[in-house]
Amino acid sequence: MKKMTLALLATSLFATSALAQAADDLAAIKSAGVMKFGTEGTYAPYTYHDKSGKLVGFDVDVARAVAEKMGVKPEFVEGRWDGLIAGLSAKRYDAVINQVGVTDERKAKFDFSQPYIGSKAVLVVRDDNTSIKSFADLKGQKAAQSLTSNYSKLATKNGADLVPTDGFNQSLDLVLSGRAAATLNDNLSFLDFKKHKPDAKVKIVATDENTENSAILLRKDQPELVKAVNKALDEMKADGTYKTISVRYFGQDVSQ
């Protein structure tokens, strides 16, 4: 009986400690008055630098609004996509906002906010390419991709040979130069690219039927922080802040 009581006490203390830690992460952010976000800074229209050098983008503006709703200031730590999630584990920042797709594999190791945007994967090739017309045609072809992205997994699933890149812009450069036959990314990024470079000789030949949701990535077991971020996202949509940001970058409301 005594052993059982001690075991129950230990379990209770562990649970209490875990909850305290979760609360402490939010409390630390509130105490510092700053929430740090890891982001790429090279992925238009989500996170990039404008002509003046200022960090801007849909994700960046969403993060700024989330921080404001939480009563703190946003701070951004830029890094290559392939290292962003590792940086969160290393506690270089409090969250990652960079079109992070919600997957079961990531959910096993991290927590997510509610999704704040959804998009569909598209297959992009040079406009003179007539051999690739569907995702199935990727078999044996070179696809330029960031290796840890969901799009690289989709390319691999369809039999493509991956050519590693640092991001979408570099992937498009490889396709345009002929060093890769194709690249996969989201439809909104491609539309933004064509908006700025309408004469670029690339085209979409296939669109995936599934919508991929993106959310803010957080370290595991932080229910209070997840709750605070979700509350901020809800408030943004309720007061029109989200719609304003959407129209700024996409010309329409892209809320879920």
C-alpha atoms as a PDB file:
ATOM      1  CA  MET A   1       0.000   0.000   0.000  1.00  0.00           C
ATOM      2  CA  LYS A   2       2.842   2.314   0.918  1.00  0.00           C
ATOM      3  CA  LYS A   3       4.604   1.568  -2.376  1.00  0.00           C
ATOM      4  CA  MET A   4       1.399   2.290  -4.282  1.00  0.00           C
ATOM      5  CA  THR A   5       0.965   5.591  -2.441  1.00  0.00           C
ATOM      6  CA  LEU A   6       4.541   6.592  -3.233  1.00  0.00           C
ATOM      7  CA  ALA A   7       4.046   5.631  -6.869  1.00  0.00           C
ATOM      8  CA  LEU A   8       0.883   7.705  -7.082  1.00  0.00           C
ATOM      9  CA  LEU A   9       2.666  10.621  -5.411  1.00  0.00           C
ATOM     10  CA  ALA A  10       5.547  10.382  -7.871  1.00  0.00           C
ATOM     11  CA  THR A  11       3.144  10.287 -10.804  1.00  0.00           C
ATOM     12  CA  SER A  12       1.281  13.290  -9.435  1.00  0.00           C
ATOM     13  CA  LEU A  13       4.490  15.259  -8.919  1.00  0.00           C
ATOM     14  CA  PHE A  14       5.674  14.416 -12.448  1.00  0.00           C
ATOM     15  CA  ALA A  15       2.376  15.579 -13.945  1.00  0.00           C
ATOM     16  CA  THR A  16       2.446  18.751 -11.862  1.00  0.00           C
ATOM     17  CA  SER A  17       6.031  19.432 -12.934  1.00  0.00           C
ATOM     18  CA  ALA A  18       5.139  18.912 -16.609  1.00  0.00           C
ATOM     19  CA  LEU A  19       2.216  21.317 -16.348  1.00  0.00           C
ATOM     20  CA  ALA A  20       4.362  23.853 -14.540  1.00  0.00           C
ATOM     21  CA  GLN A  21       6.984  23.634 -17.280  1.00  0.00           C
ATOM     22  CA  ALA A  22       4.303  24.186 -19.928  1.00  0.00           C
ATOM     23  CA  ALA A  23       3.004  27.198 -18.039  1.00  0.00           C
ATOM     24  CA  ASP A  24       6.561  28.464 -17.492  1.00  0.00           C
ATOM     25  CA  ASP A  25       7.230  28.661 -21.246  1.00  0.00           C
ATOM     26  CA  LEU A  26       4.288  31.016 -21.743  1.00  0.00           C
ATOM     27  CA  ALA A  27       5.160  32.828 -18.508  1.00  0.00           C
ATOM     28  CA  ALA A  28       8.748  33.312 -19.720  1.00  0.00           C
ATOM     29  CA  ILE A  29       7.508  34.839 -22.969  1.00  0.00           C
ATOM     30  CA  LYS A  30       5.182  37.150 -21.078  1.00  0.00           C
ATOM     31  CA  SER A  31       7.929  38.082 -18.619  1.00  0.00           C
ATOM     32  CA  ALA A  32      10.426  38.850 -21.396  1.00  0.00           C
ATOM     33  CA  GLY A  33       7.777  40.719 -23.378  1.00  0.00           C
ATOM     34  CA  VAL A  34       9.043  39.001 -26.532  1.00  0.00           C
ATOM     35  CA  MET A  35       8.042  35.924 -28.525  1.00  0.00           C
ATOM     36  CA  LYS A  36      10.769  34.614 -30.817  1.00  0.00           C
ATOM     37  CA  PHE A  37       9.830  33.055 -34.159  1.00  0.00           C
ATOM     38  CA  GLY A  38      12.112  31.002 -36.371  1.00  0.00           C
ATOM     39  CA  THR A  39      11.548  31.729 -40.064  1.00  0.00           C
ATOM     40  CA  GLU A  40      13.304  31.390 -43.384  1.00  0.00           C
ATOM     41  CA  GLY A  41      13.259  34.929 -44.789  1.00  0.00           C
ATOM     42  CA  THR A  42      13.665  33.682 -48.377  1.00  0.00           C
ATOM     43  CA  TYR A  43      10.251  32.184 -49.173  1.00  0.00           C
ATOM     44  CA  ALA A  44       7.926  34.719 -50.812  1.00  0.00           C
ATOM     45  CA  PRO A  45       5.143  35.563 -50.267  1.00  0.00           C
ATOM     46  CA  TYR A  46       5.304  34.038 -46.788  1.00  0.00           C
ATOM     47  CA  THR A  47       8.633  35.184 -45.364  1.00  0.00           C
ATOM     48  CA  TYR A  48      11.087  37.324 -47.355  1.00  0.00           C
ATOM     49  CA  HIS A  49      12.807  40.708 -47.532  1.00  0.00           C
ATOM     50  CA  ASP A  50      11.346  43.628 -49.472  1.00  0.00           C
ATOM     51  CA  LYS A  51      13.405  46.090 -51.506  1.00  0.00           C
ATOM     52  CA  SER A  52      14.289  48.053 -48.371  1.00  0.00           C
ATOM     53  CA  GLY A  53      15.605  44.896 -46.691  1.00  0.00           C
ATOM     54  CA  LYS A  54      12.724  44.660 -44.213  1.00  0.00           C
ATOM     55  CA  LEU A  55      11.500  41.170 -43.296  1.00  0.00           C
ATOM     56  CA  VAL A  56       7.928  40.881 -44.582  1.00  0.00           C
ATOM     57  CA  GLY A  57       5.464  38.268 -45.787  1.00  0.00           C
ATOM     58  CA  PHE A  58       2.172  36.611 -44.968  1.00  0.00           C
ATOM     59  CA  ASP A  59       3.624  34.381 -42.243  1.00  0.00           C
ATOM     60  CA  VAL A  60       5.679  37.234 -40.824  1.00  0.00           C
ATOM     61  CA  ASP A  61       2.610  39.475 -40.562  1.00  0.00           C
ATOM     62  CA  VAL A  62       0.588  36.662 -38.982  1.00  0.00           C
ATOM     63  CA  ALA A  63       3.347  36.171 -36.398  1.00  0.00           C
ATOM     64  CA  ARG A  64       3.446  39.900 -35.667  1.00  0.00           C
ATOM     65  CA  ALA A  65      -0.316  39.949 -35.164  1.00  0.00           C
ATOM     66  CA  VAL A  66      -0.234  36.844 -32.932  1.00  0.00           C
ATOM     67  CA  ALA A  67       2.438  38.427 -30.733  1.00  0.00           C
ATOM     68  CA  GLU A  68       0.472  41.679 -30.519  1.00  0.00           C
ATOM     69  CA  LYS A  69      -2.689  39.813 -29.473  1.00  0.00           C
ATOM     70  CA  MET A  70      -0.649  38.032 -26.811  1.00  0.00           C
ATOM     71  CA  GLY A  71       0.634  41.351 -25.499  1.00  0.00           C
ATOM     72  CA  VAL A  72       4.279  40.842 -26.470  1.00  0.00           C
ATOM     73  CA  LYS A  73       6.633  41.937 -29.233  1.00  0.00           C
ATOM     74  CA  PRO A  74       7.688  39.595 -32.054  1.00  0.00           C
ATOM     75  CA  GLU A  75      11.336  38.821 -32.719  1.00  0.00           C
ATOM     76  CA  PHE A  76      12.468  36.859 -35.753  1.00  0.00           C
ATOM     77  CA  VAL A  77      15.419  34.510 -36.023  1.00  0.00           C
ATOM     78  CA  GLU A  78      16.169  33.649 -39.644  1.00  0.00           C
ATOM     79  CA  GLY A  79      17.658  30.387 -40.827  1.00  0.00           C
ATOM     80  CA  ARG A  80      17.641  27.843 -43.616  1.00  0.00           C
ATOM     81  CA  TRP A  81      14.520  25.713 -43.806  1.00  0.00           C
ATOM     82  CA  ASP A  82      16.390  22.454 -43.180  1.00  0.00           C
ATOM     83  CA  GLY A  83      17.568  23.760 -39.794  1.00  0.00           C
ATOM     84  CA  LEU A  84      14.492  25.637 -38.579  1.00  0.00           C
ATOM     85  CA  ILE A  85      12.830  22.759 -36.741  1.00  0.00           C
ATOM     86  CA  ALA A  86      16.108  21.681 -35.132  1.00  0.00           C
ATOM     87  CA  GLY A  87      16.495  25.268 -33.935  1.00  0.00           C
ATOM     88  CA  LEU A  88      13.147  25.013 -32.156  1.00  0.00           C
ATOM     89  CA  SER A  89      14.283  21.853 -30.378  1.00  0.00           C
ATOM     90  CA  ALA A  90      17.473  23.667 -29.374  1.00  0.00           C
ATOM     91  CA  LYS A  91      15.323  26.486 -27.909  1.00  0.00           C
ATOM     92  CA  ARG A  92      16.757  29.168 -30.201  1.00  0.00           C
ATOM     93  CA  TYR A  93      13.202  30.495 -30.453  1.00  0.00           C
ATOM     94  CA  ASP A  94       9.715  29.817 -29.119  1.00  0.00           C
ATOM     95  CA  ALA A  95       7.986  28.853 -32.370  1.00  0.00           C
ATOM     96  CA  VAL A  96       8.489  28.304 -36.075  1.00  0.00           C
ATOM     97  CA  ILE A  97       6.257  30.034 -38.604  1.00  0.00           C
ATOM     98  CA  ASN A  98       7.278  29.131 -42.135  1.00  0.00           C
ATOM     99  CA  GLN A  99       4.453  27.250 -43.866  1.00  0.00           C
ATOM    100  CA  VAL A 100       5.104  24.228 -41.669  1.00  0.00           C
ATOM    101  CA  GLY A 101       2.805  21.448 -42.836  1.00  0.00           C
ATOM    102  CA  VAL A 102       0.867  19.571 -40.153  1.00  0.00           C
ATOM    103  CA  THR A 103       1.964  15.931 -40.369  1.00  0.00           C
ATOM    104  CA  ASP A 104       1.659  12.941 -38.030  1.00  0.00           C
ATOM    105  CA  GLU A 105       5.450  12.618 -37.960  1.00  0.00           C
ATOM    106  CA  ARG A 106       5.876  16.177 -36.703  1.00  0.00           C
ATOM    107  CA  LYS A 107       2.932  15.906 -34.306  1.00  0.00           C
ATOM    108  CA  ALA A 108       4.712  13.028 -32.576  1.00  0.00           C
ATOM    109  CA  LYS A 109       7.575  15.349 -31.614  1.00  0.00           C
ATOM    110  CA  PHE A 110       6.025  18.827 -31.536  1.00  0.00           C
ATOM    111  CA  ASP A 111       2.790  20.678 -30.903  1.00  0.00           C
ATOM    112  CA  PHE A 112       0.957  22.784 -33.468  1.00  0.00           C
ATOM    113  CA  SER A 113      -1.377  25.719 -33.283  1.00  0.00           C
ATOM    114  CA  GLN A 114      -4.624  25.431 -35.176  1.00  0.00           C
ATOM    115  CA  PRO A 115      -4.037  25.694 -38.956  1.00  0.00           C
ATOM    116  CA  TYR A 116      -3.928  29.262 -40.246  1.00  0.00           C
ATOM    117  CA  ILE A 117      -3.726  28.601 -43.998  1.00  0.00           C
ATOM    118  CA  GLY A 118      -4.197  25.778 -46.476  1.00  0.00           C
ATOM    119  CA  SER A 119      -2.712  25.285 -49.930  1.00  0.00           C
ATOM    120  CA  LYS A 120      -2.297  22.593 -52.581  1.00  0.00           C
ATOM    121  CA  ALA A 121       0.888  21.116 -53.965  1.00  0.00           C
ATOM    122  CA  VAL A 122       1.596  21.897 -57.596  1.00  0.00           C
ATOM    123  CA  LEU A 123       4.038  20.356 -60.058  1.00  0.00           C
ATOM    124  CA  VAL A 124       6.110  22.988 -61.870  1.00  0.00           C
ATOM    125  CA  VAL A 125       8.205  22.426 -64.998  1.00  0.00           C
ATOM    126  CA  ARG A 126       9.723  24.559 -67.751  1.00  0.00           C
ATOM    127  CA  ASP A 127       7.109  25.733 -70.216  1.00  0.00           C
ATOM    128  CA  ASP A 128       8.805  23.793 -73.041  1.00  0.00           C
ATOM    129  CA  ASN A 129       8.648  20.498 -71.113  1.00  0.00           C
ATOM    130  CA  THR A 130       6.181  18.102 -72.745  1.00  0.00           C
ATOM    131  CA  SER A 131       7.234  14.856 -71.042  1.00  0.00           C
ATOM    132  CA  ILE A 132       5.929  15.630 -67.555  1.00  0.00           C
ATOM    133  CA  LYS A 133       2.171  16.062 -67.377  1.00  0.00           C
ATOM    134  CA  SER A 134       1.304  14.451 -64.036  1.00  0.00           C
ATOM    135  CA  PHE A 135       2.872  13.530 -60.702  1.00  0.00           C
ATOM    136  CA  ALA A 136       3.286   9.966 -61.981  1.00  0.00           C
ATOM    137  CA  ASP A 137       5.555  11.282 -64.749  1.00  0.00           C
ATOM    138  CA  LEU A 138       8.124  12.264 -62.098  1.00  0.00           C
ATOM    139  CA  LYS A 139       9.430   8.700 -61.975  1.00  0.00           C
ATOM    140  CA  GLY A 140      13.140   8.775 -62.790  1.00  0.00           C
ATOM    141  CA  GLN A 141      13.135  12.568 -63.214  1.00  0.00           C
ATOM    142  CA  LYS A 142      15.157  15.085 -61.195  1.00  0.00           C
ATOM    143  CA  ALA A 143      13.070  17.203 -58.815  1.00  0.00           C
ATOM    144  CA  ALA A 144      14.643  20.212 -57.083  1.00  0.00           C
ATOM    145  CA  GLN A 145      13.446  20.273 -53.449  1.00  0.00           C
ATOM    146  CA  SER A 146      14.302  21.232 -49.877  1.00  0.00           C
ATOM    147  CA  LEU A 147      14.982  17.781 -48.462  1.00  0.00           C
ATOM    148  CA  THR A 148      12.951  18.097 -45.260  1.00  0.00           C
ATOM    149  CA  SER A 149       9.851  19.610 -46.872  1.00  0.00           C
ATOM    150  CA  ASN A 150       6.591  17.763 -47.431  1.00  0.00           C
ATOM    151  CA  TYR A 151       7.008  18.425 -51.147  1.00  0.00           C
ATOM    152  CA  SER A 152      10.218  16.402 -51.248  1.00  0.00           C
ATOM    153  CA  LYS A 153       8.318  13.474 -49.738  1.00  0.00           C
ATOM    154  CA  LEU A 154       5.621  13.810 -52.393  1.00  0.00           C
ATOM    155  CA  ALA A 155       8.274  13.917 -55.119  1.00  0.00           C
ATOM    156  CA  THR A 156       9.988  10.830 -53.697  1.00  0.00           C
ATOM    157  CA  LYS A 157       6.645   9.037 -53.400  1.00  0.00           C
ATOM    158  CA  ASN A 158       6.208   9.535 -57.135  1.00  0.00           C
ATOM    159  CA  GLY A 159       9.650   8.162 -57.957  1.00  0.00           C
ATOM    160  CA  ALA A 160      11.618  11.364 -58.497  1.00  0.00           C
ATOM    161  CA  ASP A 161      15.349  11.695 -57.877  1.00  0.00           C
ATOM    162  CA  LEU A 162      15.863  14.645 -55.534  1.00  0.00           C
ATOM    163  CA  VAL A 163      18.229  17.532 -56.199  1.00  0.00           C
ATOM    164  CA  PRO A 164      18.743  19.288 -52.812  1.00  0.00           C
ATOM    165  CA  THR A 165      18.093  23.049 -52.655  1.00  0.00           C
ATOM    166  CA  ASP A 166      17.836  25.764 -50.031  1.00  0.00           C
ATOM    167  CA  GLY A 167      14.336  26.861 -51.039  1.00  0.00           C
ATOM    168  CA  PHE A 168      11.722  27.511 -53.706  1.00  0.00           C
ATOM    169  CA  ASN A 169      13.621  30.244 -55.547  1.00  0.00           C
ATOM    170  CA  GLN A 170      16.701  28.065 -55.959  1.00  0.00           C
ATOM    171  CA  SER A 171      14.502  25.155 -57.027  1.00  0.00           C
ATOM    172  CA  LEU A 172      12.927  27.283 -59.744  1.00  0.00           C
ATOM    173  CA  ASP A 173      16.369  28.436 -60.900  1.00  0.00           C
ATOM    174  CA  LEU A 174      17.435  24.799 -61.321  1.00  0.00           C
ATOM    175  CA  VAL A 175      14.310  24.018 -63.325  1.00  0.00           C
ATOM    176  CA  LEU A 176      14.801  27.071 -65.534  1.00  0.00           C
ATOM    177  CA  SER A 177      18.450  26.176 -66.148  1.00  0.00           C
ATOM    178  CA  GLY A 178      17.579  22.575 -66.972  1.00  0.00           C
ATOM    179  CA  ARG A 179      19.536  21.108 -64.053  1.00  0.00           C
ATOM    180  CA  ALA A 180      16.265  19.709 -62.708  1.00  0.00           C
ATOM    181  CA  ALA A 181      13.155  18.692 -64.610  1.00  0.00           C
ATOM    182  CA  ALA A 182      10.618  19.815 -62.022  1.00  0.00           C
ATOM    183  CA  THR A 183       9.896  21.158 -58.573  1.00  0.00           C
ATOM    184  CA  LEU A 184       6.918  20.810 -56.251  1.00  0.00           C
ATOM    185  CA  ASN A 185       5.640  23.569 -54.019  1.00  0.00           C
ATOM    186  CA  ASP A 186       2.369  25.212 -53.033  1.00  0.00           C
ATOM    187  CA  ASN A 187       0.034  26.924 -55.483  1.00  0.00           C
ATOM    188  CA  LEU A 188       0.021  30.263 -53.663  1.00  0.00           C
ATOM    189  CA  SER A 189       3.823  30.555 -53.781  1.00  0.00           C
ATOM    190  CA  PHE A 190       3.835  29.843 -57.497  1.00  0.00           C
ATOM    191  CA  LEU A 191       1.122  32.416 -58.183  1.00  0.00           C
ATOM    192  CA  ASP A 192       3.105  34.996 -56.230  1.00  0.00           C
ATOM    193  CA  PHE A 193       6.254  34.124 -58.184  1.00  0.00           C
ATOM    194  CA  LYS A 194       4.438  34.563 -61.504  1.00  0.00           C
ATOM    195  CA  LYS A 195       2.951  37.824 -60.299  1.00  0.00           C
ATOM    196  CA  HIS A 196       6.443  39.243 -59.852  1.00  0.00           C
ATOM    197  CA  LYS A 197       8.005  37.444 -62.833  1.00  0.00           C
ATOM    198  CA  PRO A 198       5.205  36.963 -65.379  1.00  0.00           C
ATOM    199  CA  ASP A 199       7.657  36.172 -68.176  1.00  0.00           C
ATOM    200  CA  ALA A 200       9.393  33.322 -66.331  1.00  0.00           C
ATOM    201  CA  LYS A 201       9.260  30.262 -68.559  1.00  0.00           C
ATOM    202  CA  VAL A 202       7.698  27.838 -66.077  1.00  0.00           C
ATOM    203  CA  LYS A 203       4.223  26.357 -65.818  1.00  0.00           C
ATOM    204  CA  ILE A 204       2.022  24.222 -63.570  1.00  0.00           C
ATOM    205  CA  VAL A 205       1.206  20.845 -65.104  1.00  0.00           C
ATOM    206  CA  ALA A 206      -0.536  19.141 -62.176  1.00  0.00           C
ATOM    207  CA  THR A 207      -2.221  20.056 -58.880  1.00  0.00           C
ATOM    208  CA  ASP A 208      -2.578  17.688 -55.942  1.00  0.00           C
ATOM    209  CA  GLU A 209      -6.198  17.133 -54.863  1.00  0.00           C
ATOM    210  CA  ASN A 210      -5.328  17.276 -51.158  1.00  0.00           C
ATOM    211  CA  THR A 211      -5.147  20.525 -49.222  1.00  0.00           C
ATOM    212  CA  GLU A 212      -2.119  20.829 -46.949  1.00  0.00           C
ATOM    213  CA  ASN A 213      -2.667  22.842 -43.784  1.00  0.00           C
ATOM    214  CA  SER A 214       0.103  24.905 -42.225  1.00  0.00           C
ATOM    215  CA  ALA A 215       0.294  25.879 -38.561  1.00  0.00           C
ATOM    216  CA  ILE A 216       2.652  27.464 -36.053  1.00  0.00           C
ATOM    217  CA  LEU A 217       5.081  24.851 -34.713  1.00  0.00           C
ATOM    218  CA  LEU A 218       5.752  24.768 -30.956  1.00  0.00           C
ATOM    219  CA  ARG A 219       7.733  22.560 -28.617  1.00  0.00           C
ATOM    220  CA  LYS A 220       5.888  19.578 -27.168  1.00  0.00           C
ATOM    221  CA  ASP A 221       3.711  19.702 -24.042  1.00  0.00           C
ATOM    222  CA  GLN A 222       2.978  23.426 -23.887  1.00  0.00           C
ATOM    223  CA  PRO A 223      -0.833  23.481 -23.641  1.00  0.00           C
ATOM    224  CA  GLU A 224      -0.984  26.994 -22.220  1.00  0.00           C
ATOM    225  CA  LEU A 225       1.169  28.436 -25.015  1.00  0.00           C
ATOM    226  CA  VAL A 226      -0.810  26.558 -27.676  1.00  0.00           C
ATOM    227  CA  LYS A 227      -4.028  27.892 -26.118  1.00  0.00           C
ATOM    228  CA  ALA A 228      -2.697  31.462 -26.128  1.00  0.00           C
ATOM    229  CA  VAL A 229      -1.573  31.249 -29.763  1.00  0.00           C
ATOM    230  CA  ASN A 230      -4.901  29.760 -30.849  1.00  0.00           C
ATOM    231  CA  LYS A 231      -6.782  32.487 -28.993  1.00  0.00           C
ATOM    232  CA  ALA A 232      -4.717  35.097 -30.820  1.00  0.00           C
ATOM    233  CA  LEU A 233      -5.456  33.463 -34.195  1.00  0.00           C
ATOM    234  CA  ASP A 234      -9.186  33.371 -33.394  1.00  0.00           C
ATOM    235  CA  GLU A 235      -9.144  37.058 -32.437  1.00  0.00           C
ATOM    236  CA  MET A 236      -7.321  37.943 -35.672  1.00  0.00           C
ATOM    237  CA  LYS A 237     -10.021  36.304 -37.755  1.00  0.00           C
ATOM    238  CA  ALA A 238     -12.841  37.800 -35.688  1.00  0.00           C
ATOM    239  CA  ASP A 239     -11.627  41.407 -35.894  1.00  0.00           C
ATOM    240  CA  GLY A 240     -10.606  41.376 -39.563  1.00  0.00           C
ATOM    241  CA  THR A 241      -6.829  41.416 -39.025  1.00  0.00           C
ATOM    242  CA  TYR A 242      -6.380  38.088 -40.807  1.00  0.00           C
ATOM    243  CA  LYS A 243      -8.446  39.214 -43.796  1.00  0.00           C
ATOM    244  CA  THR A 244      -6.387  42.402 -44.100  1.00  0.00           C
ATOM    245  CA  ILE A 245      -3.139  40.395 -44.153  1.00  0.00           C
ATOM    246  CA  SER A 246      -4.613  37.921 -46.674  1.00  0.00           C
ATOM    247  CA  VAL A 247      -5.699  40.644 -49.082  1.00  0.00           C
ATOM    248  CA  ARG A 248      -2.281  42.303 -48.775  1.00  0.00           C
ATOM    249  CA  TYR A 249      -0.485  39.229 -50.095  1.00  0.00           C
ATOM    250  CA  PHE A 250      -3.076  37.210 -52.034  1.00  0.00           C
ATOM    251  CA  GLY A 251      -5.776  39.679 -53.034  1.00  0.00           C
ATOM    252  CA  GLN A 252      -8.418  37.675 -51.174  1.00  0.00           C
ATOM    253  CA  ASP A 253      -9.295  36.167 -47.798  1.00  0.00           C
ATOM    254  CA  VAL A 254      -7.569  32.760 -47.519  1.00  0.00           C
ATOM    255  CA  SER A 255      -8.768  31.925 -44.011  1.00  0.00           C
ATOM    256  CA  GLN A 256      -9.695  28.347 -43.140  1.00  0.00           C
END
